[in-house]
Amino acid sequence: MQQGLFITATDTGVGKTVISGAIAAALKRRGINVGVLKPVASGGRVNTGGQLVSEDATFLMAATGMAEERRQEVNPVCLAADLTPAVAAAECGITIDVTKVITACRAMLNQSELTVVEGVGGMAAPVWQDYLVADMMLELKLPVILVVKPNLGTINHTVLAAEYARQRSIPLAGIIVNCWDEAAATVLEHSNLAYIKLLTGLPVLGKFPSLGIPAGQASMVALGQAAEKHLAIDHIIGMMKGEDCPCFRQN
């Protein structure tokens, strides 16, 4: 059985990469053979070797200590234009073969004990033509965590995303709030969180502080420690293994 989870968000720039890396780093800290995937990425950068690379994939690989030689396994498709993948591919004259992407994802899932898959954009982001991130989720059949921010407007964004997941029969298992500042949180942040729980019926699996994108081995160790402190890692592991998952499936 392929075991893992899929990380999505209410929008781009909400914190999928940091949360994906934090969970992966925490699993590695526990001695778990963890795989990471960024199946499709846009906004790639040319590295010193002249290779187009995804900085998100680089971060995920660093979080797990994965060798550079495995980059293609982690990130099968990297596009230069910083646009939604379907548009970025069209701009570059590239066809995204979603069947090959799914095959690559399953290969990583099969060789890892647990795998963290980071999506691109949100659930309705077009990967290729009318194939959406949501379609990829349905093919991979992994529990999904939705990353949200605590700021004004997040209730609407989160409830709409959760309702879309429900309509598509996507197994949404919980929510993680990114960029949470406990000391500075006011009635705005606390009421947002309360309404998100009330209106979605989903568990909040953690409130993660704003850490940005750390670099270096010491920072990755600290990232894993932060995940243990601020996220329900035991519950997340159980969820990845198919246990203790409150996902709303419509089979």
Protein backbone atom coordinates (compact mmCIF):
# COMPACT_ATOMS: atom_id res chain seq x y z
CA MET A 1 0.00 0.00 0.00
CA GLN A 2 1.32 3.44 -0.94
CA GLN A 3 1.47 5.62 2.16
CA GLY A 4 1.84 9.37 2.36
CA LEU A 5 -0.01 12.66 2.20
CA PHE A 6 -0.63 15.47 -0.23
CA ILE A 7 -0.09 19.07 0.87
CA THR A 8 -2.16 21.78 -0.77
CA ALA A 9 -3.15 25.33 0.18
CA THR A 10 -5.82 27.94 -0.29
CA ASP A 11 -3.51 29.80 -2.69
CA THR A 12 0.07 30.05 -3.86
CA GLY A 13 2.52 31.57 -1.38
CA VAL A 14 0.62 30.35 1.68
CA GLY A 15 3.33 27.97 2.87
CA LYS A 16 3.00 24.54 1.25
CA THR A 17 6.77 24.19 0.86
CA VAL A 18 7.64 25.09 4.46
CA ILE A 19 4.95 22.81 5.90
CA SER A 20 5.86 19.95 3.53
CA GLY A 21 9.53 20.31 4.43
CA ALA A 22 8.78 20.55 8.15
CA ILE A 23 6.72 17.36 8.15
CA ALA A 24 9.35 15.55 6.05
CA ALA A 25 12.14 16.74 8.36
CA ALA A 26 10.22 15.53 11.42
CA LEU A 27 9.71 12.10 9.84
CA LYS A 28 13.40 11.85 8.98
CA ARG A 29 14.24 12.81 12.57
CA ARG A 30 12.23 9.79 13.70
CA GLY A 31 14.23 7.48 11.46
CA ILE A 32 11.49 7.03 8.88
CA ASN A 33 12.48 6.43 5.25
CA VAL A 34 10.66 9.47 3.89
CA GLY A 35 10.21 10.40 0.25
CA VAL A 36 9.34 13.86 -1.04
CA LEU A 37 7.68 14.93 -4.27
CA LYS A 38 7.05 18.19 -6.07
CA PRO A 39 5.46 16.57 -9.14
CA VAL A 40 5.16 19.77 -11.15
CA ALA A 41 6.80 23.12 -10.45
CA SER A 42 6.83 26.44 -12.25
CA GLY A 43 9.06 29.46 -11.71
CA GLY A 44 12.23 27.36 -11.95
CA ARG A 45 15.67 28.94 -11.74
CA VAL A 46 18.86 28.06 -13.61
CA ASN A 47 21.50 26.85 -11.15
CA THR A 48 25.28 27.20 -11.41
CA GLY A 49 25.40 24.04 -13.49
CA GLY A 50 23.01 25.48 -16.05
CA GLN A 51 20.14 23.21 -14.97
CA LEU A 52 16.60 24.51 -14.52
CA VAL A 53 15.61 23.62 -10.96
CA SER A 54 12.70 24.15 -8.61
CA GLU A 55 13.65 25.90 -5.39
CA ASP A 56 10.71 24.16 -3.70
CA ALA A 57 12.14 20.77 -4.69
CA THR A 58 15.59 21.86 -3.48
CA PHE A 59 14.10 22.70 -0.10
CA LEU A 60 12.25 19.39 0.19
CA MET A 61 15.39 17.47 -0.74
CA ALA A 62 17.41 19.38 1.86
CA ALA A 63 14.77 18.64 4.50
CA THR A 64 15.27 14.91 3.99
CA GLY A 65 18.97 14.88 3.05
CA MET A 66 18.13 13.57 -0.41
CA ALA A 67 21.00 13.56 -2.93
CA GLU A 68 21.01 15.92 -5.91
CA GLU A 69 21.09 12.89 -8.21
CA ARG A 70 17.49 12.17 -7.23
CA ARG A 71 16.14 15.57 -8.29
CA GLN A 72 14.32 14.18 -11.33
CA GLU A 73 12.55 11.64 -9.11
CA VAL A 74 11.46 14.39 -6.73
CA ASN A 75 10.47 16.90 -9.40
CA PRO A 76 9.63 15.27 -12.76
CA VAL A 77 8.47 18.54 -14.36
CA CYS A 78 10.12 21.93 -13.81
CA LEU A 79 8.98 24.93 -15.85
CA ALA A 80 10.71 28.29 -16.20
CA ALA A 81 7.75 30.68 -16.34
CA ASP A 82 6.31 31.68 -12.97
CA LEU A 83 2.76 30.90 -14.08
CA THR A 84 0.21 28.19 -13.39
CA PRO A 85 1.75 24.99 -14.88
CA ALA A 86 -0.64 24.61 -17.82
CA VAL A 87 0.13 28.16 -18.96
CA ALA A 88 3.85 27.94 -18.13
CA ALA A 89 4.14 24.77 -20.22
CA ALA A 90 2.28 26.31 -23.15
CA GLU A 91 4.51 29.40 -23.00
CA CYS A 92 7.58 27.16 -23.24
CA GLY A 93 6.12 24.91 -25.94
CA ILE A 94 6.14 21.94 -23.58
CA THR A 95 3.51 19.21 -23.23
CA ILE A 96 3.01 17.86 -19.72
CA ASP A 97 2.39 14.12 -19.84
CA VAL A 98 0.33 13.70 -16.69
CA THR A 99 0.42 9.90 -16.98
CA LYS A 100 4.22 9.99 -16.72
CA VAL A 101 4.02 12.39 -13.79
CA ILE A 102 1.67 10.06 -11.90
CA THR A 103 3.93 7.10 -12.69
CA ALA A 104 6.92 9.00 -11.27
CA CYS A 105 4.93 9.82 -8.14
CA ARG A 106 3.99 6.19 -7.62
CA ALA A 107 7.61 5.15 -8.02
CA MET A 108 8.63 7.43 -5.13
CA LEU A 109 5.68 6.25 -3.05
CA ASN A 110 6.63 2.62 -3.65
CA GLN A 111 10.25 3.03 -2.57
CA SER A 112 9.57 5.13 0.55
CA GLU A 113 8.01 4.20 3.86
CA LEU A 114 6.07 7.49 3.90
CA THR A 115 5.98 10.22 1.24
CA VAL A 116 5.13 13.91 1.41
CA VAL A 117 3.74 15.28 -1.86
CA GLU A 118 3.63 19.05 -2.32
CA GLY A 119 1.14 20.33 -4.86
CA VAL A 120 1.37 23.47 -6.95
CA GLY A 121 -0.93 26.43 -6.31
CA GLY A 122 -4.31 25.28 -4.99
CA MET A 123 -6.60 22.35 -5.72
CA ALA A 124 -8.14 23.93 -8.82
CA ALA A 125 -4.82 25.00 -10.37
CA PRO A 126 -4.54 23.68 -13.98
CA VAL A 127 -1.62 21.29 -14.40
CA TRP A 128 -2.22 20.62 -18.09
CA GLN A 129 -5.24 21.71 -20.14
CA ASP A 130 -8.27 20.81 -17.98
CA TYR A 131 -6.33 18.40 -15.72
CA LEU A 132 -6.20 20.04 -12.29
CA VAL A 133 -4.22 19.48 -9.11
CA ALA A 134 -7.47 17.99 -7.75
CA ASP A 135 -7.33 15.31 -10.45
CA MET A 136 -3.79 14.44 -9.38
CA MET A 137 -4.98 14.11 -5.78
CA LEU A 138 -7.74 11.73 -6.83
CA GLU A 139 -5.30 9.57 -8.80
CA LEU A 140 -2.77 9.34 -5.98
CA LYS A 141 -5.47 8.59 -3.37
CA LEU A 142 -3.58 10.13 -0.46
CA PRO A 143 -5.04 12.04 2.48
CA VAL A 144 -4.80 15.79 1.91
CA ILE A 145 -3.79 18.56 4.31
CA LEU A 146 -4.87 22.11 3.53
CA VAL A 147 -2.44 24.89 4.52
CA VAL A 148 -4.05 28.23 5.34
CA LYS A 149 -3.03 31.60 6.74
CA PRO A 150 -4.59 33.25 9.81
CA ASN A 151 -5.20 36.64 8.22
CA LEU A 152 -8.42 38.43 7.24
CA GLY A 153 -10.23 36.60 4.43
CA THR A 154 -8.99 33.15 5.38
CA ILE A 155 -12.42 31.94 6.55
CA ASN A 156 -13.90 32.41 3.10
CA HIS A 157 -10.87 30.95 1.29
CA THR A 158 -10.68 27.93 3.60
CA VAL A 159 -14.40 27.12 3.58
CA LEU A 160 -14.54 27.38 -0.22
CA ALA A 161 -11.50 25.10 -0.57
CA ALA A 162 -12.98 22.56 1.84
CA GLU A 163 -16.33 22.61 0.05
CA TYR A 164 -14.61 22.12 -3.31
CA ALA A 165 -12.73 19.14 -1.88
CA ARG A 166 -16.01 17.72 -0.62
CA GLN A 167 -17.66 18.12 -4.03
CA ARG A 168 -14.72 16.39 -5.75
CA SER A 169 -14.54 13.58 -3.14
CA ILE A 170 -11.00 14.61 -2.24
CA PRO A 171 -9.96 13.05 1.10
CA LEU A 172 -9.26 16.26 3.02
CA ALA A 173 -7.97 15.19 6.42
CA GLY A 174 -7.12 18.39 8.22
CA ILE A 175 -5.87 21.95 8.22
CA ILE A 176 -2.55 23.53 9.21
CA VAL A 177 -2.39 27.25 9.90
CA ASN A 178 0.91 28.73 8.72
CA CYS A 179 2.53 31.99 9.89
CA TRP A 180 0.82 31.82 13.28
CA ASP A 181 2.14 34.22 15.95
CA GLU A 182 0.70 33.18 19.30
CA ALA A 183 2.02 36.24 21.13
CA ALA A 184 0.57 38.68 18.61
CA ALA A 185 -2.68 36.85 17.84
CA THR A 186 -5.80 38.97 18.37
CA VAL A 187 -9.52 38.37 18.17
CA LEU A 188 -9.09 38.36 14.36
CA GLU A 189 -6.79 35.34 14.27
CA HIS A 190 -8.55 33.44 17.07
CA SER A 191 -12.02 33.99 15.62
CA ASN A 192 -10.79 32.98 12.15
CA LEU A 193 -9.51 29.72 13.59
CA ALA A 194 -12.73 29.08 15.51
CA TYR A 195 -14.89 29.65 12.44
CA ILE A 196 -12.65 27.51 10.23
CA LYS A 197 -13.14 24.60 12.64
CA LEU A 198 -16.88 25.24 12.93
CA LEU A 199 -17.63 25.64 9.23
CA THR A 200 -15.39 22.92 7.81
CA GLY A 201 -15.69 20.33 10.57
CA LEU A 202 -12.01 19.54 10.02
CA PRO A 203 -9.32 19.21 12.69
CA VAL A 204 -6.59 21.82 12.91
CA LEU A 205 -3.39 19.76 12.95
CA GLY A 206 -1.13 22.61 13.97
CA LYS A 207 -0.39 26.32 14.11
CA PHE A 208 3.05 26.81 12.60
CA PRO A 209 5.13 29.95 13.20
CA SER A 210 6.59 32.04 10.40
CA LEU A 211 10.03 30.57 9.71
CA GLY A 212 10.51 31.43 6.05
CA ILE A 213 12.67 29.06 4.00
CA PRO A 214 15.66 28.11 6.18
CA ALA A 215 18.86 26.76 4.62
CA GLY A 216 21.62 24.47 5.85
CA GLN A 217 21.63 21.20 7.75
CA ALA A 218 21.31 22.81 11.19
CA SER A 219 18.28 24.77 10.01
CA MET A 220 16.66 21.59 8.70
CA VAL A 221 17.14 19.90 12.07
CA ALA A 222 15.53 22.93 13.70
CA LEU A 223 12.71 22.74 11.15
CA GLY A 224 11.99 19.15 12.14
CA GLN A 225 12.05 20.13 15.81
CA ALA A 226 9.62 22.97 15.10
CA ALA A 227 7.28 20.50 13.39
CA GLU A 228 7.36 18.23 16.44
CA LYS A 229 6.53 21.20 18.66
CA HIS A 230 3.83 22.89 16.60
CA LEU A 231 2.24 20.11 14.51
CA ALA A 232 0.37 16.94 15.49
CA ILE A 233 3.07 14.72 14.00
CA ASP A 234 1.89 11.49 15.63
CA HIS A 235 -1.60 12.04 14.23
CA ILE A 236 -0.18 12.99 10.82
CA ILE A 237 1.92 9.81 10.69
CA GLY A 238 -1.13 7.73 11.57
CA MET A 239 -3.07 9.51 8.87
CA MET A 240 -0.32 8.81 6.31
CA LYS A 241 -0.51 5.14 7.23
CA GLY A 242 -4.27 5.10 6.74
CA GLU A 243 -5.06 5.14 10.46
CA ASP A 244 -7.04 7.68 12.47
CA CYS A 245 -8.07 9.71 9.43
CA PRO A 246 -11.26 11.83 9.55
CA CYS A 247 -11.17 12.40 5.77
CA PHE A 248 -14.55 12.98 4.18
CA ARG A 249 -14.50 10.38 1.46
CA GLN A 250 -17.49 9.73 -0.76
CA ASN A 251 -16.92 6.20 -2.02
